[in-house]
């Protein structure tokens, strides 16, 4: 279902010639300080509760992440509970409009879910992850100057990040990916507001656009840091 795909894009920018490594690293250091990444690195698990709004329809959701690389995504759509999860080894889904029984994710589905499992930002430890990051320059976005950075994750995926030059918080992300047929797919994520939890900054209101059209709004209501969680929630049910 389209709303589910948009929600997952939920748990998981032209230039002025500033491109030297020192400027890039300075911008990154200020960004990680502004977001509280050092404190976030000490978080082992977190639970996000909120509501996704699409075409006037409200979809309550819960996302639980745990290190390393575990995630549980749950959305309630028209009274039905949809679940996608990954326990570090196996990804699975429950699609109640098809069956109450869980099934393993396909390769493409698993890749999408795994991208929502990270607690840390994609911009954190990009070198250790084997990625490339370039500071492209400075632009104006909605009347404010922003740094534009380009992150190359793989041949199929890359992102443009726009960071406010005063707050060093992300204001917009443009994600680019290649479809199986080779077509370029591009979506835009606008972070309208943030919330501070334990001195860590988290997106509180996020707008998702495709083709310039607003598709969905994510409203985060609560973030719990290191809550008690039974790790069995990430594993495919046996019964």
C-alpha atoms as a PDB file:
ATOM      1  CA  UNK A   1       0.000   0.000   0.000  1.00  0.00           C
ATOM      2  CA  UNK A   2       1.275   3.481  -0.898  1.00  0.00           C
ATOM      3  CA  UNK A   3       0.683   4.896   2.582  1.00  0.00           C
ATOM      4  CA  UNK A   4       2.852   2.138   4.068  1.00  0.00           C
ATOM      5  CA  UNK A   5       5.704   2.848   1.642  1.00  0.00           C
ATOM      6  CA  UNK A   6       5.510   6.562   2.433  1.00  0.00           C
ATOM      7  CA  UNK A   7       5.435   5.839   6.142  1.00  0.00           C
ATOM      8  CA  UNK A   8       8.592   3.746   5.870  1.00  0.00           C
ATOM      9  CA  UNK A   9      10.397   6.521   4.093  1.00  0.00           C
ATOM     10  CA  UNK A  10       9.374   7.693   7.444  1.00  0.00           C
ATOM     11  CA  UNK A  11      11.261   5.281  10.044  1.00  0.00           C
ATOM     12  CA  UNK A  12      14.058   5.834   7.927  1.00  0.00           C
ATOM     13  CA  UNK A  13      19.869  20.712  -1.750  1.00  0.00           C
ATOM     14  CA  UNK A  14      23.098  25.194  -6.476  1.00  0.00           C
ATOM     15  CA  UNK A  15      26.419  25.711  -5.151  1.00  0.00           C
ATOM     16  CA  UNK A  16      28.837  28.526  -4.293  1.00  0.00           C
ATOM     17  CA  UNK A  17      32.084  26.606  -4.659  1.00  0.00           C
ATOM     18  CA  UNK A  18      32.829  25.713  -1.016  1.00  0.00           C
ATOM     19  CA  UNK A  19      34.307  22.273  -1.541  1.00  0.00           C
ATOM     20  CA  UNK A  20      37.525  21.799   0.431  1.00  0.00           C
ATOM     21  CA  UNK A  21      37.744  19.037   3.011  1.00  0.00           C
ATOM     22  CA  UNK A  22      38.377  21.418   5.935  1.00  0.00           C
ATOM     23  CA  UNK A  23      35.171  23.384   5.290  1.00  0.00           C
ATOM     24  CA  UNK A  24      33.203  20.165   4.960  1.00  0.00           C
ATOM     25  CA  UNK A  25      34.614  18.793   8.211  1.00  0.00           C
ATOM     26  CA  UNK A  26      33.962  22.058  10.046  1.00  0.00           C
ATOM     27  CA  UNK A  27      30.346  22.082   8.926  1.00  0.00           C
ATOM     28  CA  UNK A  28      29.949  18.447   9.937  1.00  0.00           C
ATOM     29  CA  UNK A  29      31.483  19.031  13.373  1.00  0.00           C
ATOM     30  CA  UNK A  30      29.065  21.910  14.032  1.00  0.00           C
ATOM     31  CA  UNK A  31      26.123  19.851  12.758  1.00  0.00           C
ATOM     32  CA  UNK A  32      26.918  16.858  14.979  1.00  0.00           C
ATOM     33  CA  UNK A  33      27.348  19.168  17.965  1.00  0.00           C
ATOM     34  CA  UNK A  34      24.022  20.905  17.271  1.00  0.00           C
ATOM     35  CA  UNK A  35      22.126  17.615  17.011  1.00  0.00           C
ATOM     36  CA  UNK A  36      23.689  16.038  20.100  1.00  0.00           C
ATOM     37  CA  UNK A  37      25.182  13.141  18.132  1.00  0.00           C
ATOM     38  CA  UNK A  38      27.677  12.322  20.899  1.00  0.00           C
ATOM     39  CA  UNK A  39      24.777  11.663  23.262  1.00  0.00           C
ATOM     40  CA  UNK A  40      22.843   9.840  20.549  1.00  0.00           C
ATOM     41  CA  UNK A  41      25.808   7.490  20.112  1.00  0.00           C
ATOM     42  CA  UNK A  42      25.228   6.328  23.682  1.00  0.00           C
ATOM     43  CA  UNK A  43      21.579   5.479  23.011  1.00  0.00           C
ATOM     44  CA  UNK A  44      21.109   1.727  22.600  1.00  0.00           C
ATOM     45  CA  UNK A  45      17.417   1.720  21.831  1.00  0.00           C
ATOM     46  CA  UNK A  46      14.613   4.180  21.240  1.00  0.00           C
ATOM     47  CA  UNK A  47      10.885   4.219  20.617  1.00  0.00           C
ATOM     48  CA  UNK A  48       9.143   6.827  18.471  1.00  0.00           C
ATOM     49  CA  UNK A  49       5.372   7.281  18.627  1.00  0.00           C
ATOM     50  CA  UNK A  50       3.449   9.525  16.292  1.00  0.00           C
ATOM     51  CA  UNK A  51       0.899   9.975  13.548  1.00  0.00           C
ATOM     52  CA  UNK A  52       1.294  10.074   9.786  1.00  0.00           C
ATOM     53  CA  UNK A  53      -1.253  12.193   7.920  1.00  0.00           C
ATOM     54  CA  UNK A  54      -2.012  11.507   4.255  1.00  0.00           C
ATOM     55  CA  UNK A  55      -4.964  12.927   2.321  1.00  0.00           C
ATOM     56  CA  UNK A  56      -6.736  13.685   5.585  1.00  0.00           C
ATOM     57  CA  UNK A  57      -6.281  10.144   6.898  1.00  0.00           C
ATOM     58  CA  UNK A  58      -4.413   9.688  10.168  1.00  0.00           C
ATOM     59  CA  UNK A  59      -2.171   6.643  10.583  1.00  0.00           C
ATOM     60  CA  UNK A  60      -0.776   6.082  14.106  1.00  0.00           C
ATOM     61  CA  UNK A  61       2.682   4.551  14.058  1.00  0.00           C
ATOM     62  CA  UNK A  62       5.363   3.203  16.371  1.00  0.00           C
ATOM     63  CA  UNK A  63       9.011   2.744  15.425  1.00  0.00           C
ATOM     64  CA  UNK A  64      11.423   0.918  17.725  1.00  0.00           C
ATOM     65  CA  UNK A  65      15.150   0.799  16.985  1.00  0.00           C
ATOM     66  CA  UNK A  66      17.869  -1.090  18.816  1.00  0.00           C
ATOM     67  CA  UNK A  67      21.563  -1.499  18.220  1.00  0.00           C
ATOM     68  CA  UNK A  68      22.833  -3.092  16.171  1.00  0.00           C
ATOM     69  CA  UNK A  69      20.538  -2.725  13.159  1.00  0.00           C
ATOM     70  CA  UNK A  70      17.268  -3.885  14.684  1.00  0.00           C
ATOM     71  CA  UNK A  71      13.976  -2.195  13.873  1.00  0.00           C
ATOM     72  CA  UNK A  72      10.256  -2.706  14.413  1.00  0.00           C
ATOM     73  CA  UNK A  73       7.792  -0.563  12.443  1.00  0.00           C
ATOM     74  CA  UNK A  74       4.093  -0.712  13.219  1.00  0.00           C
ATOM     75  CA  UNK A  75       1.293   1.312  11.618  1.00  0.00           C
ATOM     76  CA  UNK A  76      -2.445   1.102  12.160  1.00  0.00           C
ATOM     77  CA  UNK A  77      -4.234   1.543   8.837  1.00  0.00           C
ATOM     78  CA  UNK A  78      -8.032   1.489   8.815  1.00  0.00           C
ATOM     79  CA  UNK A  79      -8.014  -0.484  12.057  1.00  0.00           C
ATOM     80  CA  UNK A  80      -5.488  -3.033  10.777  1.00  0.00           C
ATOM     81  CA  UNK A  81      -2.028  -3.337  12.319  1.00  0.00           C
ATOM     82  CA  UNK A  82       0.737  -3.496   9.702  1.00  0.00           C
ATOM     83  CA  UNK A  83       4.185  -4.593  10.893  1.00  0.00           C
ATOM     84  CA  UNK A  84       7.604  -4.630   9.254  1.00  0.00           C
ATOM     85  CA  UNK A  85      10.648  -5.636  11.275  1.00  0.00           C
ATOM     86  CA  UNK A  86      14.269  -6.742  11.094  1.00  0.00           C
ATOM     87  CA  UNK A  87      16.144  -8.563  13.854  1.00  0.00           C
ATOM     88  CA  UNK A  88      19.624  -8.128  12.392  1.00  0.00           C
ATOM     89  CA  UNK A  89      19.316 -11.301  10.327  1.00  0.00           C
ATOM     90  CA  UNK A  90      15.777 -11.757   9.035  1.00  0.00           C
ATOM     91  CA  UNK A  91      13.267  -9.198   7.830  1.00  0.00           C
ATOM     92  CA  UNK A  92       9.545  -9.916   7.979  1.00  0.00           C
ATOM     93  CA  UNK A  93       6.155  -8.327   7.468  1.00  0.00           C
ATOM     94  CA  UNK A  94       2.537  -8.800   8.485  1.00  0.00           C
ATOM     95  CA  UNK A  95       0.057  -7.506   5.906  1.00  0.00           C
ATOM     96  CA  UNK A  96      -3.361  -8.124   7.471  1.00  0.00           C
ATOM     97  CA  UNK A  97      -5.302  -7.363   4.273  1.00  0.00           C
ATOM     98  CA  UNK A  98      -3.564 -10.411   2.760  1.00  0.00           C
ATOM     99  CA  UNK A  99      -2.869 -12.661   5.730  1.00  0.00           C
ATOM    100  CA  UNK A 100      -2.417 -12.580   9.493  1.00  0.00           C
ATOM    101  CA  UNK A 101       0.636 -14.805   9.062  1.00  0.00           C
ATOM    102  CA  UNK A 102       4.064 -13.118   8.801  1.00  0.00           C
ATOM    103  CA  UNK A 103       6.198 -13.633   5.725  1.00  0.00           C
ATOM    104  CA  UNK A 104       9.855 -12.890   5.063  1.00  0.00           C
ATOM    105  CA  UNK A 105      10.656  -9.720   3.172  1.00  0.00           C
ATOM    106  CA  UNK A 106      11.872  -9.721  -0.393  1.00  0.00           C
ATOM    107  CA  UNK A 107      15.359  -8.400  -1.085  1.00  0.00           C
ATOM    108  CA  UNK A 108      14.093  -4.942  -2.091  1.00  0.00           C
ATOM    109  CA  UNK A 109      11.675  -4.768   0.860  1.00  0.00           C
ATOM    110  CA  UNK A 110      14.455  -5.764   3.243  1.00  0.00           C
ATOM    111  CA  UNK A 111      16.735  -3.019   1.899  1.00  0.00           C
ATOM    112  CA  UNK A 112      14.017  -0.419   2.557  1.00  0.00           C
ATOM    113  CA  UNK A 113      13.374  -1.624   6.101  1.00  0.00           C
ATOM    114  CA  UNK A 114      17.081  -1.826   6.946  1.00  0.00           C
ATOM    115  CA  UNK A 115      17.437   1.842   6.022  1.00  0.00           C
ATOM    116  CA  UNK A 116      15.028   2.645   8.856  1.00  0.00           C
ATOM    117  CA  UNK A 117      17.044   0.696  11.444  1.00  0.00           C
ATOM    118  CA  UNK A 118      19.812   3.238  12.060  1.00  0.00           C
ATOM    119  CA  UNK A 119      19.717   5.174  15.309  1.00  0.00           C
ATOM    120  CA  UNK A 120      22.544   7.443  14.164  1.00  0.00           C
ATOM    121  CA  UNK A 121      22.263   9.940  11.332  1.00  0.00           C
ATOM    122  CA  UNK A 122      23.469   8.907   7.873  1.00  0.00           C
ATOM    123  CA  UNK A 123      25.897  11.817   8.160  1.00  0.00           C
ATOM    124  CA  UNK A 124      27.579  10.325  11.238  1.00  0.00           C
ATOM    125  CA  UNK A 125      30.723   8.231  10.685  1.00  0.00           C
ATOM    126  CA  UNK A 126      30.231   8.400   6.924  1.00  0.00           C
ATOM    127  CA  UNK A 127      33.887   7.492   6.318  1.00  0.00           C
ATOM    128  CA  UNK A 128      33.705   4.331   8.431  1.00  0.00           C
ATOM    129  CA  UNK A 129      30.597   3.315   6.526  1.00  0.00           C
ATOM    130  CA  UNK A 130      32.460   3.556   3.220  1.00  0.00           C
ATOM    131  CA  UNK A 131      30.450   6.523   1.954  1.00  0.00           C
ATOM    132  CA  UNK A 132      31.423   9.742   0.206  1.00  0.00           C
ATOM    133  CA  UNK A 133      30.417  13.172   1.480  1.00  0.00           C
ATOM    134  CA  UNK A 134      30.918  16.456  -0.375  1.00  0.00           C
ATOM    135  CA  UNK A 135      30.160  20.010   0.658  1.00  0.00           C
ATOM    136  CA  UNK A 136      28.727  21.398  -2.562  1.00  0.00           C
ATOM    137  CA  UNK A 137      28.128  24.979  -1.489  1.00  0.00           C
ATOM    138  CA  UNK A 138      25.643  27.433  -0.015  1.00  0.00           C
ATOM    139  CA  UNK A 139      22.095  28.048  -1.216  1.00  0.00           C
ATOM    140  CA  UNK A 140      18.981  29.835  -0.023  1.00  0.00           C
ATOM    141  CA  UNK A 141      16.044  27.748   1.148  1.00  0.00           C
ATOM    142  CA  UNK A 142      12.833  29.489   2.211  1.00  0.00           C
ATOM    143  CA  UNK A 143      14.695  32.730   2.829  1.00  0.00           C
ATOM    144  CA  UNK A 144      17.534  31.242   4.878  1.00  0.00           C
ATOM    145  CA  UNK A 145      21.054  30.277   3.873  1.00  0.00           C
ATOM    146  CA  UNK A 146      21.787  26.561   3.964  1.00  0.00           C
ATOM    147  CA  UNK A 147      24.825  24.386   3.374  1.00  0.00           C
ATOM    148  CA  UNK A 148      24.303  21.781   0.693  1.00  0.00           C
ATOM    149  CA  UNK A 149      26.018  18.418   1.183  1.00  0.00           C
ATOM    150  CA  UNK A 150      25.878  15.383  -1.088  1.00  0.00           C
ATOM    151  CA  UNK A 151      26.143  11.918   0.466  1.00  0.00           C
ATOM    152  CA  UNK A 152      26.864   8.940  -1.777  1.00  0.00           C
ATOM    153  CA  UNK A 153      25.741   5.694  -0.145  1.00  0.00           C
ATOM    154  CA  UNK A 154      25.889   3.395  -3.173  1.00  0.00           C
ATOM    155  CA  UNK A 155      25.448   3.426  -6.918  1.00  0.00           C
ATOM    156  CA  UNK A 156      21.703   3.175  -6.343  1.00  0.00           C
ATOM    157  CA  UNK A 157      21.299   5.687  -3.515  1.00  0.00           C
ATOM    158  CA  UNK A 158      22.510   9.190  -2.772  1.00  0.00           C
ATOM    159  CA  UNK A 159      21.172  12.070  -0.717  1.00  0.00           C
ATOM    160  CA  UNK A 160      21.338  15.854  -0.708  1.00  0.00           C
ATOM    161  CA  UNK A 161      21.294  17.414   2.755  1.00  0.00           C
ATOM    162  CA  UNK A 162      20.516  21.085   3.426  1.00  0.00           C
ATOM    163  CA  UNK A 163      21.808  22.404   6.781  1.00  0.00           C
ATOM    164  CA  UNK A 164      20.810  25.807   8.175  1.00  0.00           C
ATOM    165  CA  UNK A 165      23.959  27.969   8.349  1.00  0.00           C
ATOM    166  CA  UNK A 166      22.949  29.331  11.774  1.00  0.00           C
ATOM    167  CA  UNK A 167      21.505  26.327  13.610  1.00  0.00           C
ATOM    168  CA  UNK A 168      23.379  23.619  11.620  1.00  0.00           C
ATOM    169  CA  UNK A 169      20.225  21.501  11.759  1.00  0.00           C
ATOM    170  CA  UNK A 170      18.928  19.702   8.662  1.00  0.00           C
ATOM    171  CA  UNK A 171      16.068  21.561   6.989  1.00  0.00           C
ATOM    172  CA  UNK A 172      15.634  19.405   3.873  1.00  0.00           C
ATOM    173  CA  UNK A 173      16.775  16.081   2.443  1.00  0.00           C
ATOM    174  CA  UNK A 174      16.488  15.053  -1.196  1.00  0.00           C
ATOM    175  CA  UNK A 175      16.795  11.297  -1.651  1.00  0.00           C
ATOM    176  CA  UNK A 176      17.675   9.857  -5.035  1.00  0.00           C
ATOM    177  CA  UNK A 177      17.437   6.201  -5.975  1.00  0.00           C
ATOM    178  CA  UNK A 178      17.331   4.065  -9.088  1.00  0.00           C
ATOM    179  CA  UNK A 179      14.304   1.912  -9.824  1.00  0.00           C
ATOM    180  CA  UNK A 180      14.801  -1.679 -11.046  1.00  0.00           C
ATOM    181  CA  UNK A 181      14.058  -0.375 -14.554  1.00  0.00           C
ATOM    182  CA  UNK A 182      16.816   2.234 -14.261  1.00  0.00           C
ATOM    183  CA  UNK A 183      14.606   5.286 -13.746  1.00  0.00           C
ATOM    184  CA  UNK A 184      15.710   8.007 -11.313  1.00  0.00           C
ATOM    185  CA  UNK A 185      13.347   8.341  -8.350  1.00  0.00           C
ATOM    186  CA  UNK A 186      13.564  11.507  -6.283  1.00  0.00           C
ATOM    187  CA  UNK A 187      11.766  12.460  -3.101  1.00  0.00           C
ATOM    188  CA  UNK A 188      12.018  15.431  -0.759  1.00  0.00           C
ATOM    189  CA  UNK A 189      11.861  15.423   3.019  1.00  0.00           C
ATOM    190  CA  UNK A 190      11.373  18.781   4.735  1.00  0.00           C
ATOM    191  CA  UNK A 191      11.982  18.955   8.476  1.00  0.00           C
ATOM    192  CA  UNK A 192       9.679  21.718   9.695  1.00  0.00           C
ATOM    193  CA  UNK A 193      10.229  21.407  13.437  1.00  0.00           C
ATOM    194  CA  UNK A 194      12.441  19.639  15.978  1.00  0.00           C
ATOM    195  CA  UNK A 195      11.994  18.391  19.523  1.00  0.00           C
ATOM    196  CA  UNK A 196      14.729  18.140  22.148  1.00  0.00           C
ATOM    197  CA  UNK A 197      14.874  14.934  24.178  1.00  0.00           C
ATOM    198  CA  UNK A 198      17.728  14.391  26.640  1.00  0.00           C
ATOM    199  CA  UNK A 199      19.656  17.184  24.850  1.00  0.00           C
ATOM    200  CA  UNK A 200      19.331  15.368  21.518  1.00  0.00           C
ATOM    201  CA  UNK A 201      17.510  17.011  18.612  1.00  0.00           C
ATOM    202  CA  UNK A 202      14.947  14.882  16.767  1.00  0.00           C
ATOM    203  CA  UNK A 203      12.639  15.814  13.872  1.00  0.00           C
ATOM    204  CA  UNK A 204       9.148  16.505  15.229  1.00  0.00           C
ATOM    205  CA  UNK A 205       7.266  17.497  12.080  1.00  0.00           C
ATOM    206  CA  UNK A 206       8.383  16.145   8.717  1.00  0.00           C
ATOM    207  CA  UNK A 207       6.802  16.683   5.312  1.00  0.00           C
ATOM    208  CA  UNK A 208       7.340  14.258   2.420  1.00  0.00           C
ATOM    209  CA  UNK A 209       6.986  15.324  -1.207  1.00  0.00           C
ATOM    210  CA  UNK A 210       7.252  13.513  -4.528  1.00  0.00           C
ATOM    211  CA  UNK A 211       7.200  15.419  -7.776  1.00  0.00           C
ATOM    212  CA  UNK A 212       6.761  18.609  -5.769  1.00  0.00           C
ATOM    213  CA  UNK A 213       3.448  17.392  -4.340  1.00  0.00           C
ATOM    214  CA  UNK A 214       2.905  16.938  -0.615  1.00  0.00           C
ATOM    215  CA  UNK A 215       2.291  13.254   0.050  1.00  0.00           C
ATOM    216  CA  UNK A 216       2.470  12.836   3.794  1.00  0.00           C
ATOM    217  CA  UNK A 217       3.156  14.631   7.072  1.00  0.00           C
ATOM    218  CA  UNK A 218       4.816  12.842   9.994  1.00  0.00           C
ATOM    219  CA  UNK A 219       4.002  14.188  13.450  1.00  0.00           C
ATOM    220  CA  UNK A 220       6.130  12.766  16.266  1.00  0.00           C
ATOM    221  CA  UNK A 221       4.388  12.850  19.623  1.00  0.00           C
ATOM    222  CA  UNK A 222       6.847  11.072  21.918  1.00  0.00           C
ATOM    223  CA  UNK A 223      10.386   9.711  21.850  1.00  0.00           C
ATOM    224  CA  UNK A 224      11.539   7.342  24.585  1.00  0.00           C
ATOM    225  CA  UNK A 225      15.267   6.861  25.123  1.00  0.00           C
ATOM    226  CA  UNK A 226      16.492   3.408  26.189  1.00  0.00           C
ATOM    227  CA  UNK A 227      13.026   2.117  27.164  1.00  0.00           C
ATOM    228  CA  UNK A 228      12.633  -1.479  28.367  1.00  0.00           C
ATOM    229  CA  UNK A 229      11.993  -3.588  25.263  1.00  0.00           C
ATOM    230  CA  UNK A 230      11.721  -7.340  24.788  1.00  0.00           C
ATOM    231  CA  UNK A 231      14.079  -8.107  21.875  1.00  0.00           C
ATOM    232  CA  UNK A 232      11.702 -10.828  20.703  1.00  0.00           C
ATOM    233  CA  UNK A 233       9.598  -8.071  19.155  1.00  0.00           C
ATOM    234  CA  UNK A 234      12.143  -7.823  16.320  1.00  0.00           C
ATOM    235  CA  UNK A 235      12.041 -11.522  15.418  1.00  0.00           C
ATOM    236  CA  UNK A 236       9.525 -13.212  13.171  1.00  0.00           C
ATOM    237  CA  UNK A 237       6.832 -14.916  15.274  1.00  0.00           C
ATOM    238  CA  UNK A 238       7.060 -18.701  15.386  1.00  0.00           C
ATOM    239  CA  UNK A 239       3.377 -19.305  15.901  1.00  0.00           C
END
